C-alpha atoms as a PDB file:
ATOM      1  CA  UNK A   1     -10.014 -14.314  -8.938  1.00  0.00           C
ATOM      2  CA  UNK A   2      -7.372 -16.100  -9.773  1.00  0.00           C
ATOM      3  CA  UNK A   3      -5.466 -17.364  -6.104  1.00  0.00           C
ATOM      4  CA  UNK A   4      -1.205 -16.219  -6.818  1.00  0.00           C
ATOM      5  CA  UNK A   5       0.350 -18.431  -4.342  1.00  0.00           C
ATOM      6  CA  UNK A   6      -0.596 -22.295  -3.301  1.00  0.00           C
ATOM      7  CA  UNK A   7       0.878 -23.192  -0.069  1.00  0.00           C
ATOM      8  CA  UNK A   8       0.134 -24.592   3.968  1.00  0.00           C
ATOM      9  CA  UNK A   9      -0.130 -22.334   6.915  1.00  0.00           C
ATOM     10  CA  UNK A  10       1.615 -23.818   9.550  1.00  0.00           C
ATOM     11  CA  UNK A  11       0.810 -23.179  13.390  1.00  0.00           C
ATOM     12  CA  UNK A  12       2.271 -25.696  15.969  1.00  0.00           C
ATOM     13  CA  UNK A  13       1.640 -29.172  14.539  1.00  0.00           C
ATOM     14  CA  UNK A  14      -1.053 -27.884  12.794  1.00  0.00           C
ATOM     15  CA  UNK A  15      -0.765 -27.655   8.676  1.00  0.00           C
ATOM     16  CA  UNK A  16      -3.260 -25.850   6.990  1.00  0.00           C
ATOM     17  CA  UNK A  17      -3.839 -26.052   2.947  1.00  0.00           C
ATOM     18  CA  UNK A  18      -4.988 -22.072   1.493  1.00  0.00           C
ATOM     19  CA  UNK A  19      -4.253 -19.869  -1.468  1.00  0.00           C
ATOM     20  CA  UNK A  20      -3.839 -16.743  -1.522  1.00  0.00           C
ATOM     21  CA  UNK A  21      -5.414 -13.776  -3.386  1.00  0.00           C
ATOM     22  CA  UNK A  22      -4.108 -10.164  -4.152  1.00  0.00           C
ATOM     23  CA  UNK A  23      -6.129  -7.938  -1.529  1.00  0.00           C
ATOM     24  CA  UNK A  24      -5.727  -4.422  -3.239  1.00  0.00           C
ATOM     25  CA  UNK A  25      -5.470  -3.708  -7.184  1.00  0.00           C
ATOM     26  CA  UNK A  26      -3.899  -0.624  -8.993  1.00  0.00           C
ATOM     27  CA  UNK A  27      -6.574   1.820 -10.583  1.00  0.00           C
ATOM     28  CA  UNK A  28      -3.960   4.421 -11.697  1.00  0.00           C
ATOM     29  CA  UNK A  29      -3.794   5.262 -15.335  1.00  0.00           C
ATOM     30  CA  UNK A  30      -1.101   4.356 -16.934  1.00  0.00           C
ATOM     31  CA  UNK A  31       0.782   6.580 -20.264  1.00  0.00           C
ATOM     32  CA  UNK A  32       2.710   5.085 -23.227  1.00  0.00           C
ATOM     33  CA  UNK A  33       5.402   7.201 -24.407  1.00  0.00           C
ATOM     34  CA  UNK A  34       5.029   7.868 -28.282  1.00  0.00           C
ATOM     35  CA  UNK A  35       7.770   9.021 -31.188  1.00  0.00           C
ATOM     36  CA  UNK A  36       6.179  12.898 -31.610  1.00  0.00           C
ATOM     37  CA  UNK A  37       6.357  12.330 -35.423  1.00  0.00           C
ATOM     38  CA  UNK A  38       4.913   9.637 -36.139  1.00  0.00           C
ATOM     39  CA  UNK A  39       2.665   8.698 -32.518  1.00  0.00           C
ATOM     40  CA  UNK A  40       4.270   5.255 -32.419  1.00  0.00           C
ATOM     41  CA  UNK A  41       4.694   3.600 -29.010  1.00  0.00           C
ATOM     42  CA  UNK A  42       8.983   4.287 -28.366  1.00  0.00           C
ATOM     43  CA  UNK A  43      10.351   0.170 -28.037  1.00  0.00           C
ATOM     44  CA  UNK A  44      12.958  -0.659 -25.628  1.00  0.00           C
ATOM     45  CA  UNK A  45      16.584  -3.048 -26.436  1.00  0.00           C
ATOM     46  CA  UNK A  46      18.552  -4.412 -23.943  1.00  0.00           C
ATOM     47  CA  UNK A  47      21.945  -3.359 -25.481  1.00  0.00           C
ATOM     48  CA  UNK A  48      25.330  -4.152 -24.546  1.00  0.00           C
ATOM     49  CA  UNK A  49      27.197  -1.366 -24.299  1.00  0.00           C
ATOM     50  CA  UNK A  50      30.658  -3.243 -25.071  1.00  0.00           C
ATOM     51  CA  UNK A  51      29.875  -5.058 -28.091  1.00  0.00           C
ATOM     52  CA  UNK A  52      26.834  -2.547 -29.317  1.00  0.00           C
ATOM     53  CA  UNK A  53      24.646  -4.980 -29.721  1.00  0.00           C
ATOM     54  CA  UNK A  54      21.457  -5.965 -29.075  1.00  0.00           C
ATOM     55  CA  UNK A  55      21.196  -8.840 -26.504  1.00  0.00           C
ATOM     56  CA  UNK A  56      18.617 -11.894 -26.053  1.00  0.00           C
ATOM     57  CA  UNK A  57      17.382 -13.219 -22.609  1.00  0.00           C
ATOM     58  CA  UNK A  58      19.443 -16.507 -23.743  1.00  0.00           C
ATOM     59  CA  UNK A  59      22.968 -14.267 -23.360  1.00  0.00           C
ATOM     60  CA  UNK A  60      21.726 -12.575 -20.068  1.00  0.00           C
ATOM     61  CA  UNK A  61      22.789 -13.601 -16.857  1.00  0.00           C
ATOM     62  CA  UNK A  62      22.253 -12.640 -13.684  1.00  0.00           C
ATOM     63  CA  UNK A  63      25.030 -11.192 -11.798  1.00  0.00           C
ATOM     64  CA  UNK A  64      25.804  -9.141  -8.015  1.00  0.00           C
ATOM     65  CA  UNK A  65      27.475  -6.237  -8.218  1.00  0.00           C
ATOM     66  CA  UNK A  66      29.943  -6.131  -5.262  1.00  0.00           C
ATOM     67  CA  UNK A  67      31.671  -3.588  -6.178  1.00  0.00           C
ATOM     68  CA  UNK A  68      31.630  -0.671  -8.708  1.00  0.00           C
ATOM     69  CA  UNK A  69      32.130  -2.358 -12.326  1.00  0.00           C
ATOM     70  CA  UNK A  70      32.950  -5.730 -10.489  1.00  0.00           C
ATOM     71  CA  UNK A  71      30.438  -8.372 -10.734  1.00  0.00           C
ATOM     72  CA  UNK A  72      29.461 -12.170  -9.348  1.00  0.00           C
ATOM     73  CA  UNK A  73      27.731 -14.263 -11.236  1.00  0.00           C
ATOM     74  CA  UNK A  74      24.566 -15.678  -9.868  1.00  0.00           C
ATOM     75  CA  UNK A  75      23.054 -18.589 -11.397  1.00  0.00           C
ATOM     76  CA  UNK A  76      19.653 -20.724 -10.423  1.00  0.00           C
ATOM     77  CA  UNK A  77      21.597 -23.201  -9.579  1.00  0.00           C
ATOM     78  CA  UNK A  78      23.145 -21.136  -6.385  1.00  0.00           C
ATOM     79  CA  UNK A  79      20.317 -19.423  -5.638  1.00  0.00           C
ATOM     80  CA  UNK A  80      18.287 -23.380  -5.341  1.00  0.00           C
ATOM     81  CA  UNK A  81      21.573 -24.513  -2.674  1.00  0.00           C
ATOM     82  CA  UNK A  82      20.068 -21.493  -0.366  1.00  0.00           C
ATOM     83  CA  UNK A  83      17.571 -23.293   2.075  1.00  0.00           C
ATOM     84  CA  UNK A  84      14.352 -21.896   2.559  1.00  0.00           C
ATOM     85  CA  UNK A  85      12.115 -23.877   4.931  1.00  0.00           C
ATOM     86  CA  UNK A  86       9.533 -21.375   4.375  1.00  0.00           C
ATOM     87  CA  UNK A  87       8.925 -21.927   0.669  1.00  0.00           C
ATOM     88  CA  UNK A  88       5.278 -23.556   0.468  1.00  0.00           C
ATOM     89  CA  UNK A  89       4.835 -22.706   3.944  1.00  0.00           C
ATOM     90  CA  UNK A  90       3.496 -19.637   5.832  1.00  0.00           C
ATOM     91  CA  UNK A  91       5.144 -20.830   9.189  1.00  0.00           C
ATOM     92  CA  UNK A  92       4.020 -18.859  12.417  1.00  0.00           C
ATOM     93  CA  UNK A  93       6.057 -17.796  14.650  1.00  0.00           C
ATOM     94  CA  UNK A  94       4.708 -15.289  17.381  1.00  0.00           C
ATOM     95  CA  UNK A  95       1.063 -14.267  18.332  1.00  0.00           C
ATOM     96  CA  UNK A  96       1.217 -10.496  19.639  1.00  0.00           C
ATOM     97  CA  UNK A  97      -1.423  -7.542  19.967  1.00  0.00           C
ATOM     98  CA  UNK A  98      -2.060  -6.307  17.022  1.00  0.00           C
ATOM     99  CA  UNK A  99      -1.519  -3.118  18.536  1.00  0.00           C
ATOM    100  CA  UNK A 100       1.915  -2.855  18.920  1.00  0.00           C
ATOM    101  CA  UNK A 101       2.714  -3.503  14.758  1.00  0.00           C
ATOM    102  CA  UNK A 102       3.478  -0.033  13.600  1.00  0.00           C
ATOM    103  CA  UNK A 103       1.932   0.909  10.219  1.00  0.00           C
ATOM    104  CA  UNK A 104       4.929   1.448   8.731  1.00  0.00           C
ATOM    105  CA  UNK A 105       6.117  -2.081   8.321  1.00  0.00           C
ATOM    106  CA  UNK A 106       2.841  -3.602   6.513  1.00  0.00           C
ATOM    107  CA  UNK A 107       3.902  -3.466   3.033  1.00  0.00           C
ATOM    108  CA  UNK A 108       1.205  -6.103   0.602  1.00  0.00           C
ATOM    109  CA  UNK A 109      -2.060  -7.534   1.536  1.00  0.00           C
ATOM    110  CA  UNK A 110      -3.332 -10.835   0.751  1.00  0.00           C
ATOM    111  CA  UNK A 111      -6.508 -12.976   0.982  1.00  0.00           C
ATOM    112  CA  UNK A 112      -6.016 -15.873   2.890  1.00  0.00           C
ATOM    113  CA  UNK A 113      -8.926 -19.043   1.415  1.00  0.00           C
ATOM    114  CA  UNK A 114      -8.670 -22.508   2.907  1.00  0.00           C
ATOM    115  CA  UNK A 115      -8.478 -25.385   0.213  1.00  0.00           C
ATOM    116  CA  UNK A 116     -11.320 -28.079   1.303  1.00  0.00           C
ATOM    117  CA  UNK A 117      -9.643 -29.967   3.528  1.00  0.00           C
ATOM    118  CA  UNK A 118      -8.121 -27.080   5.230  1.00  0.00           C
ATOM    119  CA  UNK A 119     -11.506 -25.188   6.122  1.00  0.00           C
ATOM    120  CA  UNK A 120     -11.782 -26.293   9.579  1.00  0.00           C
ATOM    121  CA  UNK A 121      -8.175 -25.834  11.217  1.00  0.00           C
ATOM    122  CA  UNK A 122      -8.357 -22.506   9.376  1.00  0.00           C
ATOM    123  CA  UNK A 123     -12.119 -21.487  11.142  1.00  0.00           C
ATOM    124  CA  UNK A 124     -10.472 -22.771  14.570  1.00  0.00           C
ATOM    125  CA  UNK A 125      -7.717 -20.399  13.728  1.00  0.00           C
ATOM    126  CA  UNK A 126      -9.942 -17.726  12.468  1.00  0.00           C
ATOM    127  CA  UNK A 127     -11.334 -18.024  15.684  1.00  0.00           C
ATOM    128  CA  UNK A 128      -9.030 -18.186  18.305  1.00  0.00           C
ATOM    129  CA  UNK A 129      -7.356 -15.455  16.705  1.00  0.00           C
ATOM    130  CA  UNK A 130     -10.748 -13.517  17.195  1.00  0.00           C
ATOM    131  CA  UNK A 131     -11.674 -14.400  21.151  1.00  0.00           C
ATOM    132  CA  UNK A 132      -7.960 -13.417  22.327  1.00  0.00           C
ATOM    133  CA  UNK A 133      -7.396 -10.648  20.114  1.00  0.00           C
ATOM    134  CA  UNK A 134      -3.946 -11.796  18.449  1.00  0.00           C
ATOM    135  CA  UNK A 135      -2.974 -11.353  15.305  1.00  0.00           C
ATOM    136  CA  UNK A 136      -0.246 -13.897  14.558  1.00  0.00           C
ATOM    137  CA  UNK A 137       3.627 -13.269  12.753  1.00  0.00           C
ATOM    138  CA  UNK A 138       4.719 -15.661  10.479  1.00  0.00           C
ATOM    139  CA  UNK A 139       7.732 -16.123   7.555  1.00  0.00           C
ATOM    140  CA  UNK A 140       7.351 -16.554   4.234  1.00  0.00           C
ATOM    141  CA  UNK A 141       8.900 -16.791   0.852  1.00  0.00           C
ATOM    142  CA  UNK A 142       6.755 -15.188  -1.819  1.00  0.00           C
ATOM    143  CA  UNK A 143       8.843 -14.713  -5.288  1.00  0.00           C
ATOM    144  CA  UNK A 144      11.770 -15.695  -3.951  1.00  0.00           C
ATOM    145  CA  UNK A 145      11.959 -13.619  -1.367  1.00  0.00           C
ATOM    146  CA  UNK A 146      11.713 -13.772   2.666  1.00  0.00           C
ATOM    147  CA  UNK A 147       8.604 -11.758   3.964  1.00  0.00           C
ATOM    148  CA  UNK A 148       7.891 -11.008   7.349  1.00  0.00           C
ATOM    149  CA  UNK A 149       4.183 -11.424   7.558  1.00  0.00           C
ATOM    150  CA  UNK A 150       0.887 -10.226   9.949  1.00  0.00           C
ATOM    151  CA  UNK A 151      -1.906 -12.923   9.562  1.00  0.00           C
ATOM    152  CA  UNK A 152      -5.689 -11.291  10.591  1.00  0.00           C
ATOM    153  CA  UNK A 153      -9.261 -11.631  10.703  1.00  0.00           C
ATOM    154  CA  UNK A 154     -10.310  -9.618   8.612  1.00  0.00           C
ATOM    155  CA  UNK A 155     -14.265  -9.264   7.957  1.00  0.00           C
ATOM    156  CA  UNK A 156     -15.485 -11.563  10.934  1.00  0.00           C
ATOM    157  CA  UNK A 157     -15.416 -14.008   7.777  1.00  0.00           C
ATOM    158  CA  UNK A 158     -11.733 -14.250   6.300  1.00  0.00           C
ATOM    159  CA  UNK A 159      -8.150 -14.031   7.021  1.00  0.00           C
ATOM    160  CA  UNK A 160      -5.418 -11.780   5.284  1.00  0.00           C
ATOM    161  CA  UNK A 161      -1.899 -11.680   5.092  1.00  0.00           C
ATOM    162  CA  UNK A 162      -0.100  -8.849   5.593  1.00  0.00           C
ATOM    163  CA  UNK A 163       3.608  -8.526   4.063  1.00  0.00           C
ATOM    164  CA  UNK A 164       6.415  -6.828   6.569  1.00  0.00           C
ATOM    165  CA  UNK A 165       9.262  -4.916   6.570  1.00  0.00           C
ATOM    166  CA  UNK A 166      12.036  -6.525   8.431  1.00  0.00           C
ATOM    167  CA  UNK A 167      13.301  -4.056  10.833  1.00  0.00           C
ATOM    168  CA  UNK A 168      16.797  -3.624   8.591  1.00  0.00           C
ATOM    169  CA  UNK A 169      14.216  -2.190   5.889  1.00  0.00           C
ATOM    170  CA  UNK A 170      12.779   0.796   8.057  1.00  0.00           C
ATOM    171  CA  UNK A 171      14.988   4.171   7.257  1.00  0.00           C
ATOM    172  CA  UNK A 172      16.426   5.011  10.550  1.00  0.00           C
ATOM    173  CA  UNK A 173      13.874   8.997  11.493  1.00  0.00           C
ATOM    174  CA  UNK A 174      17.640  10.141  13.537  1.00  0.00           C
ATOM    175  CA  UNK A 175      18.351  10.642  10.071  1.00  0.00           C
ATOM    176  CA  UNK A 176      15.867  13.580   8.528  1.00  0.00           C
ATOM    177  CA  UNK A 177      16.562  17.220   9.754  1.00  0.00           C
ATOM    178  CA  UNK A 178      16.020  17.659  13.156  1.00  0.00           C
ATOM    179  CA  UNK A 179      13.019  19.827  13.814  1.00  0.00           C
ATOM    180  CA  UNK A 180      13.561  23.280  15.522  1.00  0.00           C
ATOM    181  CA  UNK A 181      12.079  24.000  18.274  1.00  0.00           C
ATOM    182  CA  UNK A 182       8.582  25.664  18.635  1.00  0.00           C
ATOM    183  CA  UNK A 183       6.388  27.348  21.735  1.00  0.00           C
ATOM    184  CA  UNK A 184       2.653  26.570  21.439  1.00  0.00           C
ATOM    185  CA  UNK A 185       0.796  28.740  23.309  1.00  0.00           C
ATOM    186  CA  UNK A 186      -2.607  27.222  25.486  1.00  0.00           C
ATOM    187  CA  UNK A 187      -5.513  28.065  22.628  1.00  0.00           C
ATOM    188  CA  UNK A 188      -3.489  27.132  20.386  1.00  0.00           C
ATOM    189  CA  UNK A 189      -4.125  23.843  21.546  1.00  0.00           C
ATOM    190  CA  UNK A 190      -7.688  24.260  22.516  1.00  0.00           C
ATOM    191  CA  UNK A 191      -8.506  25.125  18.919  1.00  0.00           C
ATOM    192  CA  UNK A 192      -6.137  22.511  16.960  1.00  0.00           C
ATOM    193  CA  UNK A 193      -8.907  19.576  19.342  1.00  0.00           C
ATOM    194  CA  UNK A 194     -11.310  21.678  18.435  1.00  0.00           C
ATOM    195  CA  UNK A 195     -10.593  21.626  14.636  1.00  0.00           C
ATOM    196  CA  UNK A 196      -9.782  17.479  15.567  1.00  0.00           C
ATOM    197  CA  UNK A 197     -13.119  17.085  17.155  1.00  0.00           C
ATOM    198  CA  UNK A 198     -15.039  18.691  14.900  1.00  0.00           C
ATOM    199  CA  UNK A 199     -13.298  16.840  11.927  1.00  0.00           C
ATOM    200  CA  UNK A 200     -14.338  14.124  14.135  1.00  0.00           C
ATOM    201  CA  UNK A 201     -16.352  10.740  12.121  1.00  0.00           C
ATOM    202  CA  UNK A 202     -17.219   7.149  11.699  1.00  0.00           C
ATOM    203  CA  UNK A 203     -14.217   5.230   8.701  1.00  0.00           C
ATOM    204  CA  UNK A 204     -16.341   5.047   5.615  1.00  0.00           C
ATOM    205  CA  UNK A 205     -13.935   4.044   3.281  1.00  0.00           C
ATOM    206  CA  UNK A 206     -16.874   4.591   0.431  1.00  0.00           C
ATOM    207  CA  UNK A 207     -17.323   8.189   1.405  1.00  0.00           C
ATOM    208  CA  UNK A 208     -14.238   8.624  -0.353  1.00  0.00           C
ATOM    209  CA  UNK A 209     -12.421   8.468  -3.918  1.00  0.00           C
ATOM    210  CA  UNK A 210      -9.941   9.286  -6.179  1.00  0.00           C
ATOM    211  CA  UNK A 211     -11.332  12.850  -7.317  1.00  0.00           C
ATOM    212  CA  UNK A 212      -8.031  13.359  -9.595  1.00  0.00           C
ATOM    213  CA  UNK A 213      -8.247   9.691 -11.367  1.00  0.00           C
ATOM    214  CA  UNK A 214     -11.922  10.590 -12.082  1.00  0.00           C
ATOM    215  CA  UNK A 215     -10.582  14.160 -13.448  1.00  0.00           C
ATOM    216  CA  UNK A 216      -7.789  12.334 -16.010  1.00  0.00           C
ATOM    217  CA  UNK A 217     -10.681  10.248 -17.427  1.00  0.00           C
ATOM    218  CA  UNK A 218     -13.080  12.603 -18.267  1.00  0.00           C
ATOM    219  CA  UNK A 219     -10.261  15.070 -20.181  1.00  0.00           C
ATOM    220  CA  UNK A 220      -8.930  11.552 -21.669  1.00  0.00           C
ATOM    221  CA  UNK A 221     -12.265  10.757 -22.531  1.00  0.00           C
ATOM    222  CA  UNK A 222     -13.098  14.558 -23.445  1.00  0.00           C
ATOM    223  CA  UNK A 223      -9.962  14.521 -26.023  1.00  0.00           C
ATOM    224  CA  UNK A 224     -11.141  10.971 -27.495  1.00  0.00           C
ATOM    225  CA  UNK A 225     -13.791  12.551 -28.723  1.00  0.00           C
ATOM    226  CA  UNK A 226     -12.549  15.554 -29.676  1.00  0.00           C
ATOM    227  CA  UNK A 227     -14.451  18.028 -27.557  1.00  0.00           C
ATOM    228  CA  UNK A 228     -12.624  21.228 -25.518  1.00  0.00           C
ATOM    229  CA  UNK A 229     -11.244  20.427 -22.135  1.00  0.00           C
ATOM    230  CA  UNK A 230     -12.009  22.887 -19.396  1.00  0.00           C
ATOM    231  CA  UNK A 231      -9.383  23.116 -16.662  1.00  0.00           C
ATOM    232  CA  UNK A 232     -10.376  24.765 -13.584  1.00  0.00           C
ATOM    233  CA  UNK A 233      -8.520  27.507 -12.378  1.00  0.00           C
ATOM    234  CA  UNK A 234      -5.754  27.766  -9.654  1.00  0.00           C
ATOM    235  CA  UNK A 235      -7.362  29.316  -6.092  1.00  0.00           C
ATOM    236  CA  UNK A 236      -5.484  32.437  -5.400  1.00  0.00           C
ATOM    237  CA  UNK A 237      -2.978  31.804  -3.046  1.00  0.00           C
ATOM    238  CA  UNK A 238      -3.461  34.064   0.227  1.00  0.00           C
ATOM    239  CA  UNK A 239      -1.271  37.509   0.240  1.00  0.00           C
ATOM    240  CA  UNK A 240      -1.341  37.222   3.623  1.00  0.00           C
ATOM    241  CA  UNK A 241      -0.346  34.906   6.639  1.00  0.00           C
ATOM    242  CA  UNK A 242      -2.963  34.401   9.133  1.00  0.00           C
ATOM    243  CA  UNK A 243      -1.500  33.523  12.657  1.00  0.00           C
ATOM    244  CA  UNK A 244      -2.158  29.986  13.556  1.00  0.00           C
ATOM    245  CA  UNK A 245      -5.396  30.066  16.211  1.00  0.00           C
ATOM    246  CA  UNK A 246      -6.796  32.752  12.810  1.00  0.00           C
ATOM    247  CA  UNK A 247      -5.537  29.780  10.678  1.00  0.00           C
ATOM    248  CA  UNK A 248      -7.598  27.611  12.922  1.00  0.00           C
ATOM    249  CA  UNK A 249     -10.945  29.153  13.724  1.00  0.00           C
ATOM    250  CA  UNK A 250     -11.210  29.386   9.192  1.00  0.00           C
ATOM    251  CA  UNK A 251     -10.902  25.906   9.368  1.00  0.00           C
ATOM    252  CA  UNK A 252     -13.635  25.286  12.256  1.00  0.00           C
ATOM    253  CA  UNK A 253     -16.165  28.061  10.356  1.00  0.00           C
ATOM    254  CA  UNK A 254     -15.548  26.418   6.890  1.00  0.00           C
ATOM    255  CA  UNK A 255     -15.919  22.558   8.036  1.00  0.00           C
ATOM    256  CA  UNK A 256     -19.347  24.007  10.288  1.00  0.00           C
ATOM    257  CA  UNK A 257     -20.786  25.614   7.062  1.00  0.00           C
ATOM    258  CA  UNK A 258     -20.073  22.954   4.585  1.00  0.00           C
ATOM    259  CA  UNK A 259     -21.642  20.300   7.528  1.00  0.00           C
ATOM    260  CA  UNK A 260     -25.258  23.022   7.328  1.00  0.00           C
ATOM    261  CA  UNK A 261     -25.034  23.209   3.609  1.00  0.00           C
ATOM    262  CA  UNK A 262     -24.815  18.994   3.199  1.00  0.00           C
ATOM    263  CA  UNK A 263     -27.887  19.093   5.835  1.00  0.00           C
ATOM    264  CA  UNK A 264     -29.757  21.668   3.192  1.00  0.00           C
ATOM    265  CA  UNK A 265     -29.146  19.336   0.360  1.00  0.00           C
ATOM    266  CA  UNK A 266     -30.461  16.067   2.117  1.00  0.00           C
ATOM    267  CA  UNK A 267     -33.633  17.990   3.314  1.00  0.00           C
ATOM    268  CA  UNK A 268     -33.980  20.347  -0.502  1.00  0.00           C
ATOM    269  CA  UNK A 269     -33.043  16.215  -1.705  1.00  0.00           C
ATOM    270  CA  UNK A 270     -36.130  14.556   0.239  1.00  0.00           C
END
């Protein structure tokens, strides 16, 4: 695994040299656009609509549109003059309880691994946060963008950094369409809680998989081998709409029946 960022964590007067590694990867299947007639991949060119010709990278500059059709040119020297105190530093500014952070703020996750010389202060920070049940709030610049970040203990051994959105990047929920007022019956709430209890279990991520991606891969492999592709029929929609309590009862029974079926399959396989 290759690191994508090198720098240091600033913890008071302590500096911890570290590397960042991306903690997640994209497994999405991507398609290319082809010319229908000859099946060749489509190419895209950068073309100036005024000069009506392709433009090379050397002819392209960076611009900010401050009014429709009006731009100010921003070059590398302009950007270098902007003070960035956290360019190669993850600057810890606060510690807090992770329960106070709404998950909507989280963006990307990175593994934090110390350089050999930084192992002792790394372990010191990790164990101190573990014992105090705190996470660190920091600022860091990654790819020319300053990020808010949360540093926390992961898997007992390592620390991870979650880049976070700044408050002004979170859309205001008050701009959403208002919810109409509804009244809930006591038995509806009771049945909903019962369904939640029936479905409650320990979080085991390995039991979840991307069934759509799996089916897509099977379909692609089948087409490569020039076999018939079997497409499952869509389940027919119910003609009548069940009332809320009946739907909850049916859901609970469905979960119970599925659990019984799983136990039966386990006994047969034993």
